[in-house]
Amino acid sequence: MDIANLIRMANRIGDYFAAYPDREEAMEGAATHIQKFWEPRMRVALLDFLAAHEDGQSDDIQLHALMRDAVVKYQARLTPARAV
């Protein structure tokens, strides 16, 4: 997975939901979008990025603050179930 591309995609989602007047509703909507439309590998890559960069920043990329907060808040829901 190209994490820079995933962060760009997540940032576009963050830009969209940032327009919501209620931040909690915006975070819920952003997390729901990631859960519904991102395949498990994409979600794992995003979660791994945040585990390595708690502030959502690396040398060359920065995760939208709303997305960072949404992923942290809804981490359990965004973590794919393990295959048995």
PDB file of N, CA and C in Angstrom:
ATOM      1  N   MET A   1       0.838  -1.185   0.000  1.00  0.00           N
ATOM      2  CA  MET A   1       0.000   0.000   0.000  1.00  0.00           C
ATOM      3  C   MET A   1       0.881   1.246   0.000  1.00  0.00           C
ATOM      4  N   ASP A   2       0.550   2.176  -0.831  1.00  0.00           N
ATOM      5  CA  ASP A   2       1.244   3.464  -0.859  1.00  0.00           C
ATOM      6  C   ASP A   2       0.576   4.360   0.176  1.00  0.00           C
ATOM      7  N   ILE A   3       1.238   4.520   1.327  1.00  0.00           N
ATOM      8  CA  ILE A   3       0.625   5.256   2.435  1.00  0.00           C
ATOM      9  C   ILE A   3       0.385   6.720   2.071  1.00  0.00           C
ATOM     10  N   ALA A   4       1.249   7.304   1.261  1.00  0.00           N
ATOM     11  CA  ALA A   4       1.043   8.710   0.872  1.00  0.00           C
ATOM     12  C   ALA A   4      -0.265   8.853   0.096  1.00  0.00           C
ATOM     13  N   ASN A   5      -0.553   7.900  -0.776  1.00  0.00           N
ATOM     14  CA  ASN A   5      -1.806   7.939  -1.536  1.00  0.00           C
ATOM     15  C   ASN A   5      -3.009   7.735  -0.611  1.00  0.00           C
ATOM     16  N   LEU A   6      -2.895   6.815   0.326  1.00  0.00           N
ATOM     17  CA  LEU A   6      -3.989   6.588   1.280  1.00  0.00           C
ATOM     18  C   LEU A   6      -4.245   7.827   2.136  1.00  0.00           C
ATOM     19  N   ILE A   7      -3.183   8.495   2.540  1.00  0.00           N
ATOM     20  CA  ILE A   7      -3.343   9.710   3.344  1.00  0.00           C
ATOM     21  C   ILE A   7      -4.018  10.799   2.511  1.00  0.00           C
ATOM     22  N   ARG A   8      -3.627  10.926   1.250  1.00  0.00           N
ATOM     23  CA  ARG A   8      -4.290  11.909   0.371  1.00  0.00           C
ATOM     24  C   ARG A   8      -5.774  11.603   0.251  1.00  0.00           C
ATOM     25  N   MET A   9      -6.124  10.332   0.082  1.00  0.00           N
ATOM     26  CA  MET A   9      -7.533   9.945  -0.014  1.00  0.00           C
ATOM     27  C   MET A   9      -8.261  10.253   1.301  1.00  0.00           C
ATOM     28  N   ALA A  10      -7.636   9.910   2.409  1.00  0.00           N
ATOM     29  CA  ALA A  10      -8.243  10.171   3.712  1.00  0.00           C
ATOM     30  C   ALA A  10      -8.413  11.673   3.934  1.00  0.00           C
ATOM     31  N   ASN A  11      -7.453  12.457   3.478  1.00  0.00           N
ATOM     32  CA  ASN A  11      -7.549  13.906   3.640  1.00  0.00           C
ATOM     33  C   ASN A  11      -8.706  14.492   2.843  1.00  0.00           C
ATOM     34  N   ARG A  12      -8.982  13.929   1.681  1.00  0.00           N
ATOM     35  CA  ARG A  12     -10.143  14.396   0.909  1.00  0.00           C
ATOM     36  C   ARG A  12     -11.441  14.096   1.664  1.00  0.00           C
ATOM     37  N   ILE A  13     -11.496  12.932   2.278  1.00  0.00           N
ATOM     38  CA  ILE A  13     -12.664  12.579   3.090  1.00  0.00           C
ATOM     39  C   ILE A  13     -12.754  13.547   4.276  1.00  0.00           C
ATOM     40  N   GLY A  14     -11.623  13.826   4.891  1.00  0.00           N
ATOM     41  CA  GLY A  14     -11.589  14.771   6.004  1.00  0.00           C
ATOM     42  C   GLY A  14     -12.049  16.153   5.592  1.00  0.00           C
ATOM     43  N   ASP A  15     -11.636  16.598   4.411  1.00  0.00           N
ATOM     44  CA  ASP A  15     -12.075  17.909   3.915  1.00  0.00           C
ATOM     45  C   ASP A  15     -13.594  17.950   3.760  1.00  0.00           C
ATOM     46  N   TYR A  16     -14.149  16.875   3.229  1.00  0.00           N
ATOM     47  CA  TYR A  16     -15.594  16.813   3.035  1.00  0.00           C
ATOM     48  C   TYR A  16     -16.335  16.905   4.377  1.00  0.00           C
ATOM     49  N   PHE A  17     -15.948  16.055   5.313  1.00  0.00           N
ATOM     50  CA  PHE A  17     -16.667  16.004   6.583  1.00  0.00           C
ATOM     51  C   PHE A  17     -16.348  17.185   7.496  1.00  0.00           C
ATOM     52  N   ALA A  18     -15.253  17.871   7.262  1.00  0.00           N
ATOM     53  CA  ALA A  18     -14.913  19.055   8.065  1.00  0.00           C
ATOM     54  C   ALA A  18     -15.935  20.165   7.890  1.00  0.00           C
ATOM     55  N   ALA A  19     -16.701  20.126   6.811  1.00  0.00           N
ATOM     56  CA  ALA A  19     -17.728  21.140   6.569  1.00  0.00           C
ATOM     57  C   ALA A  19     -18.955  20.945   7.461  1.00  0.00           C
ATOM     58  N   TYR A  20     -19.071  19.777   8.075  1.00  0.00           N
ATOM     59  CA  TYR A  20     -20.201  19.535   8.972  1.00  0.00           C
ATOM     60  C   TYR A  20     -20.093  20.461  10.183  1.00  0.00           C
ATOM     61  N   PRO A  21     -21.204  21.047  10.611  1.00  0.00           N
ATOM     62  CA  PRO A  21     -21.149  21.954  11.759  1.00  0.00           C
ATOM     63  C   PRO A  21     -20.892  21.228  13.088  1.00  0.00           C
ATOM     64  N   ASP A  22     -21.272  19.971  13.184  1.00  0.00           N
ATOM     65  CA  ASP A  22     -21.094  19.191  14.409  1.00  0.00           C
ATOM     66  C   ASP A  22     -19.878  18.278  14.241  1.00  0.00           C
ATOM     67  N   ARG A  23     -18.820  18.526  15.017  1.00  0.00           N
ATOM     68  CA  ARG A  23     -17.572  17.759  14.869  1.00  0.00           C
ATOM     69  C   ARG A  23     -17.782  16.278  15.152  1.00  0.00           C
ATOM     70  N   GLU A  24     -18.583  15.937  16.152  1.00  0.00           N
ATOM     71  CA  GLU A  24     -18.829  14.517  16.468  1.00  0.00           C
ATOM     72  C   GLU A  24     -19.502  13.816  15.288  1.00  0.00           C
ATOM     73  N   GLU A  25     -20.472  14.480  14.681  1.00  0.00           N
ATOM     74  CA  GLU A  25     -21.148  13.916  13.514  1.00  0.00           C
ATOM     75  C   GLU A  25     -20.164  13.772  12.355  1.00  0.00           C
ATOM     76  N   ALA A  26     -19.279  14.733  12.217  1.00  0.00           N
ATOM     77  CA  ALA A  26     -18.274  14.680  11.158  1.00  0.00           C
ATOM     78  C   ALA A  26     -17.326  13.498  11.363  1.00  0.00           C
ATOM     79  N   MET A  27     -16.875  13.293  12.587  1.00  0.00           N
ATOM     80  CA  MET A  27     -15.970  12.168  12.858  1.00  0.00           C
ATOM     81  C   MET A  27     -16.677  10.838  12.638  1.00  0.00           C
ATOM     82  N   GLU A  28     -17.926  10.753  13.065  1.00  0.00           N
ATOM     83  CA  GLU A  28     -18.719   9.523  12.851  1.00  0.00           C
ATOM     84  C   GLU A  28     -18.862   9.253  11.356  1.00  0.00           C
ATOM     85  N   GLY A  29     -19.183  10.280  10.592  1.00  0.00           N
ATOM     86  CA  GLY A  29     -19.344  10.120   9.149  1.00  0.00           C
ATOM     87  C   GLY A  29     -18.054   9.711   8.466  1.00  0.00           C
ATOM     88  N   ALA A  30     -16.946  10.308   8.871  1.00  0.00           N
ATOM     89  CA  ALA A  30     -15.654   9.972   8.281  1.00  0.00           C
ATOM     90  C   ALA A  30     -15.282   8.523   8.593  1.00  0.00           C
ATOM     91  N   ALA A  31     -15.478   8.112   9.839  1.00  0.00           N
ATOM     92  CA  ALA A  31     -15.167   6.733  10.229  1.00  0.00           C
ATOM     93  C   ALA A  31     -16.069   5.736   9.506  1.00  0.00           C
ATOM     94  N   THR A  32     -17.330   6.079   9.376  1.00  0.00           N
ATOM     95  CA  THR A  32     -18.266   5.200   8.672  1.00  0.00           C
ATOM     96  C   THR A  32     -17.864   5.042   7.211  1.00  0.00           C
ATOM     97  N   HIS A  33     -17.444   6.139   6.587  1.00  0.00           N
ATOM     98  CA  HIS A  33     -17.008   6.068   5.190  1.00  0.00           C
ATOM     99  C   HIS A  33     -15.808   5.128   5.056  1.00  0.00           C
ATOM    100  N   ILE A  34     -14.821   5.287   5.920  1.00  0.00           N
ATOM    101  CA  ILE A  34     -13.633   4.425   5.880  1.00  0.00           C
ATOM    102  C   ILE A  34     -14.032   2.968   6.104  1.00  0.00           C
ATOM    103  N   GLN A  35     -14.896   2.727   7.067  1.00  0.00           N
ATOM    104  CA  GLN A  35     -15.324   1.359   7.380  1.00  0.00           C
ATOM    105  C   GLN A  35     -16.054   0.717   6.207  1.00  0.00           C
ATOM    106  N   LYS A  36     -16.942   1.461   5.562  1.00  0.00           N
ATOM    107  CA  LYS A  36     -17.760   0.905   4.486  1.00  0.00           C
ATOM    108  C   LYS A  36     -17.010   0.738   3.161  1.00  0.00           C
ATOM    109  N   PHE A  37     -16.157   1.707   2.840  1.00  0.00           N
ATOM    110  CA  PHE A  37     -15.631   1.763   1.483  1.00  0.00           C
ATOM    111  C   PHE A  37     -14.152   1.437   1.337  1.00  0.00           C
ATOM    112  N   TRP A  38     -13.422   1.351   2.425  1.00  0.00           N
ATOM    113  CA  TRP A  38     -12.011   0.993   2.334  1.00  0.00           C
ATOM    114  C   TRP A  38     -11.859  -0.489   2.635  1.00  0.00           C
ATOM    115  N   GLU A  39     -11.107  -1.171   1.811  1.00  0.00           N
ATOM    116  CA  GLU A  39     -10.872  -2.589   2.056  1.00  0.00           C
ATOM    117  C   GLU A  39      -9.997  -2.749   3.304  1.00  0.00           C
ATOM    118  N   PRO A  40     -10.019  -3.918   3.912  1.00  0.00           N
ATOM    119  CA  PRO A  40      -9.282  -4.127   5.163  1.00  0.00           C
ATOM    120  C   PRO A  40      -7.798  -3.744   5.090  1.00  0.00           C
ATOM    121  N   ARG A  41      -7.114  -4.068   3.994  1.00  0.00           N
ATOM    122  CA  ARG A  41      -5.683  -3.722   3.888  1.00  0.00           C
ATOM    123  C   ARG A  41      -5.462  -2.218   3.963  1.00  0.00           C
ATOM    124  N   MET A  42      -6.371  -1.459   3.387  1.00  0.00           N
ATOM    125  CA  MET A  42      -6.252  -0.001   3.421  1.00  0.00           C
ATOM    126  C   MET A  42      -6.440   0.513   4.854  1.00  0.00           C
ATOM    127  N   ARG A  43      -7.431  -0.042   5.543  1.00  0.00           N
ATOM    128  CA  ARG A  43      -7.684   0.371   6.921  1.00  0.00           C
ATOM    129  C   ARG A  43      -6.504   0.016   7.825  1.00  0.00           C
ATOM    130  N   VAL A  44      -5.946  -1.176   7.634  1.00  0.00           N
ATOM    131  CA  VAL A  44      -4.785  -1.597   8.429  1.00  0.00           C
ATOM    132  C   VAL A  44      -3.603  -0.666   8.178  1.00  0.00           C
ATOM    133  N   ALA A  45      -3.372  -0.302   6.932  1.00  0.00           N
ATOM    134  CA  ALA A  45      -2.265   0.607   6.612  1.00  0.00           C
ATOM    135  C   ALA A  45      -2.462   1.960   7.287  1.00  0.00           C
ATOM    136  N   LEU A  46      -3.686   2.478   7.290  1.00  0.00           N
ATOM    137  CA  LEU A  46      -3.971   3.753   7.940  1.00  0.00           C
ATOM    138  C   LEU A  46      -3.783   3.640   9.457  1.00  0.00           C
ATOM    139  N   LEU A  47      -4.279   2.565  10.041  1.00  0.00           N
ATOM    140  CA  LEU A  47      -4.106   2.341  11.481  1.00  0.00           C
ATOM    141  C   LEU A  47      -2.631   2.187  11.842  1.00  0.00           C
ATOM    142  N   ASP A  48      -1.876   1.476  11.014  1.00  0.00           N
ATOM    143  CA  ASP A  48      -0.445   1.306  11.262  1.00  0.00           C
ATOM    144  C   ASP A  48       0.288   2.638  11.166  1.00  0.00           C
ATOM    145  N   PHE A  49      -0.103   3.474  10.209  1.00  0.00           N
ATOM    146  CA  PHE A  49       0.509   4.791  10.073  1.00  0.00           C
ATOM    147  C   PHE A  49       0.297   5.592  11.349  1.00  0.00           C
ATOM    148  N   LEU A  50      -0.928   5.581  11.862  1.00  0.00           N
ATOM    149  CA  LEU A  50      -1.214   6.339  13.087  1.00  0.00           C
ATOM    150  C   LEU A  50      -0.539   5.733  14.316  1.00  0.00           C
ATOM    151  N   ALA A  51      -0.344   4.435  14.315  1.00  0.00           N
ATOM    152  CA  ALA A  51       0.380   3.814  15.431  1.00  0.00           C
ATOM    153  C   ALA A  51       1.840   4.272  15.436  1.00  0.00           C
ATOM    154  N   ALA A  52       2.404   4.473  14.254  1.00  0.00           N
ATOM    155  CA  ALA A  52       3.796   4.914  14.141  1.00  0.00           C
ATOM    156  C   ALA A  52       3.940   6.423  14.256  1.00  0.00           C
ATOM    157  N   HIS A  53       2.870   7.160  13.920  1.00  0.00           N
ATOM    158  CA  HIS A  53       2.902   8.631  13.911  1.00  0.00           C
ATOM    159  C   HIS A  53       1.633   9.138  14.605  1.00  0.00           C
ATOM    160  N   GLU A  54       1.658   9.175  15.921  1.00  0.00           N
ATOM    161  CA  GLU A  54       0.456   9.514  16.691  1.00  0.00           C
ATOM    162  C   GLU A  54      -0.102  10.891  16.358  1.00  0.00           C
ATOM    163  N   ASP A  55       0.766  11.796  15.924  1.00  0.00           N
ATOM    164  CA  ASP A  55       0.294  13.132  15.571  1.00  0.00           C
ATOM    165  C   ASP A  55      -0.215  13.207  14.134  1.00  0.00           C
ATOM    166  N   GLY A  56      -0.134  12.085  13.408  1.00  0.00           N
ATOM    167  CA  GLY A  56      -0.626  12.045  12.033  1.00  0.00           C
ATOM    168  C   GLY A  56       0.322  12.653  11.026  1.00  0.00           C
ATOM    169  N   GLN A  57       1.568  12.878  11.421  1.00  0.00           N
ATOM    170  CA  GLN A  57       2.543  13.503  10.524  1.00  0.00           C
ATOM    171  C   GLN A  57       3.777  12.638  10.393  1.00  0.00           C
ATOM    172  N   SER A  58       4.269  12.563   9.172  1.00  0.00           N
ATOM    173  CA  SER A  58       5.585  11.987   8.939  1.00  0.00           C
ATOM    174  C   SER A  58       6.384  13.060   8.214  1.00  0.00           C
ATOM    175  N   ASP A  59       7.525  12.721   7.710  1.00  0.00           N
ATOM    176  CA  ASP A  59       8.373  13.722   7.057  1.00  0.00           C
ATOM    177  C   ASP A  59       7.696  14.407   5.881  1.00  0.00           C
ATOM    178  N   ASP A  60       6.932  13.644   5.117  1.00  0.00           N
ATOM    179  CA  ASP A  60       6.389  14.215   3.875  1.00  0.00           C
ATOM    180  C   ASP A  60       4.872  14.214   3.769  1.00  0.00           C
ATOM    181  N   ILE A  61       4.175  13.647   4.751  1.00  0.00           N
ATOM    182  CA  ILE A  61       2.711  13.620   4.686  1.00  0.00           C
ATOM    183  C   ILE A  61       2.104  13.975   6.037  1.00  0.00           C
ATOM    184  N   GLN A  62       0.894  14.511   5.968  1.00  0.00           N
ATOM    185  CA  GLN A  62       0.177  14.873   7.196  1.00  0.00           C
ATOM    186  C   GLN A  62      -1.292  14.494   7.030  1.00  0.00           C
ATOM    187  N   LEU A  63      -1.815  13.762   7.998  1.00  0.00           N
ATOM    188  CA  LEU A  63      -3.207  13.345   7.989  1.00  0.00           C
ATOM    189  C   LEU A  63      -4.078  14.480   8.522  1.00  0.00           C
ATOM    190  N   HIS A  64      -5.177  14.723   7.842  1.00  0.00           N
ATOM    191  CA  HIS A  64      -6.155  15.747   8.262  1.00  0.00           C
ATOM    192  C   HIS A  64      -6.511  15.513   9.728  1.00  0.00           C
ATOM    193  N   ALA A  65      -6.547  16.568  10.515  1.00  0.00           N
ATOM    194  CA  ALA A  65      -6.800  16.458  11.954  1.00  0.00           C
ATOM    195  C   ALA A  65      -8.125  15.767  12.265  1.00  0.00           C
ATOM    196  N   LEU A  66      -9.148  16.048  11.478  1.00  0.00           N
ATOM    197  CA  LEU A  66     -10.449  15.407  11.703  1.00  0.00           C
ATOM    198  C   LEU A  66     -10.343  13.903  11.480  1.00  0.00           C
ATOM    199  N   MET A  67      -9.625  13.506  10.432  1.00  0.00           N
ATOM    200  CA  MET A  67      -9.461  12.077  10.151  1.00  0.00           C
ATOM    201  C   MET A  67      -8.642  11.410  11.250  1.00  0.00           C
ATOM    202  N   ARG A  68      -7.581  12.081  11.689  1.00  0.00           N
ATOM    203  CA  ARG A  68      -6.766  11.527  12.767  1.00  0.00           C
ATOM    204  C   ARG A  68      -7.632  11.270  13.995  1.00  0.00           C
ATOM    205  N   ASP A  69      -8.422  12.254  14.379  1.00  0.00           N
ATOM    206  CA  ASP A  69      -9.273  12.107  15.562  1.00  0.00           C
ATOM    207  C   ASP A  69     -10.334  11.032  15.361  1.00  0.00           C
ATOM    208  N   ALA A  70     -10.909  10.963  14.173  1.00  0.00           N
ATOM    209  CA  ALA A  70     -11.939   9.958  13.888  1.00  0.00           C
ATOM    210  C   ALA A  70     -11.363   8.545  13.933  1.00  0.00           C
ATOM    211  N   VAL A  71     -10.198   8.366  13.347  1.00  0.00           N
ATOM    212  CA  VAL A  71      -9.586   7.030  13.322  1.00  0.00           C
ATOM    213  C   VAL A  71      -9.198   6.602  14.733  1.00  0.00           C
ATOM    214  N   VAL A  72      -8.690   7.527  15.523  1.00  0.00           N
ATOM    215  CA  VAL A  72      -8.331   7.201  16.907  1.00  0.00           C
ATOM    216  C   VAL A  72      -9.589   6.853  17.709  1.00  0.00           C
ATOM    217  N   LYS A  73     -10.612   7.673  17.579  1.00  0.00           N
ATOM    218  CA  LYS A  73     -11.843   7.447  18.349  1.00  0.00           C
ATOM    219  C   LYS A  73     -12.531   6.135  17.968  1.00  0.00           C
ATOM    220  N   TYR A  74     -12.543   5.817  16.682  1.00  0.00           N
ATOM    221  CA  TYR A  74     -13.261   4.639  16.195  1.00  0.00           C
ATOM    222  C   TYR A  74     -12.315   3.521  15.767  1.00  0.00           C
ATOM    223  N   GLN A  75     -11.156   3.471  16.369  1.00  0.00           N
ATOM    224  CA  GLN A  75     -10.143   2.491  15.987  1.00  0.00           C
ATOM    225  C   GLN A  75     -10.661   1.057  16.048  1.00  0.00           C
ATOM    226  N   ALA A  76     -11.358   0.721  17.113  1.00  0.00           N
ATOM    227  CA  ALA A  76     -11.858  -0.657  17.256  1.00  0.00           C
ATOM    228  C   ALA A  76     -12.797  -1.012  16.102  1.00  0.00           C
ATOM    229  N   ARG A  77     -13.638  -0.080  15.738  1.00  0.00           N
ATOM    230  CA  ARG A  77     -14.598  -0.325  14.662  1.00  0.00           C
ATOM    231  C   ARG A  77     -13.910  -0.414  13.301  1.00  0.00           C
ATOM    232  N   LEU A  78     -12.813   0.299  13.138  1.00  0.00           N
ATOM    233  CA  LEU A  78     -12.108   0.312  11.863  1.00  0.00           C
ATOM    234  C   LEU A  78     -11.120  -0.836  11.703  1.00  0.00           C
ATOM    235  N   THR A  79     -10.801  -1.496  12.790  1.00  0.00           N
ATOM    236  CA  THR A  79      -9.871  -2.618  12.722  1.00  0.00           C
ATOM    237  C   THR A  79     -10.585  -3.831  12.144  1.00  0.00           C
ATOM    238  N   PRO A  80     -10.083  -4.338  11.015  1.00  0.00           N
ATOM    239  CA  PRO A  80     -10.749  -5.494  10.386  1.00  0.00           C
ATOM    240  C   PRO A  80     -10.714  -6.731  11.295  1.00  0.00           C
ATOM    241  N   ALA A  81     -11.754  -7.528  11.189  1.00  0.00           N
ATOM    242  CA  ALA A  81     -11.800  -8.779  11.940  1.00  0.00           C
ATOM    243  C   ALA A  81     -10.747  -9.725  11.363  1.00  0.00           C
ATOM    244  N   ARG A  82     -10.155 -10.498  12.223  1.00  0.00           N
ATOM    245  CA  ARG A  82      -9.153 -11.451  11.758  1.00  0.00           C
ATOM    246  C   ARG A  82      -9.831 -12.636  11.081  1.00  0.00           C
ATOM    247  N   ALA A  83      -9.214 -13.078  10.021  1.00  0.00           N
ATOM    248  CA  ALA A  83      -9.736 -14.274   9.331  1.00  0.00           C
ATOM    249  C   ALA A  83      -9.416 -15.488  10.170  1.00  0.00           C
ATOM    250  N   VAL A  84     -10.344 -16.409  10.262  1.00  0.00           N
ATOM    251  CA  VAL A  84     -10.132 -17.605  11.073  1.00  0.00           C
ATOM    252  C   VAL A  84      -9.775 -18.784  10.226  1.00  0.00           C
TER     253      VAL A  84
END
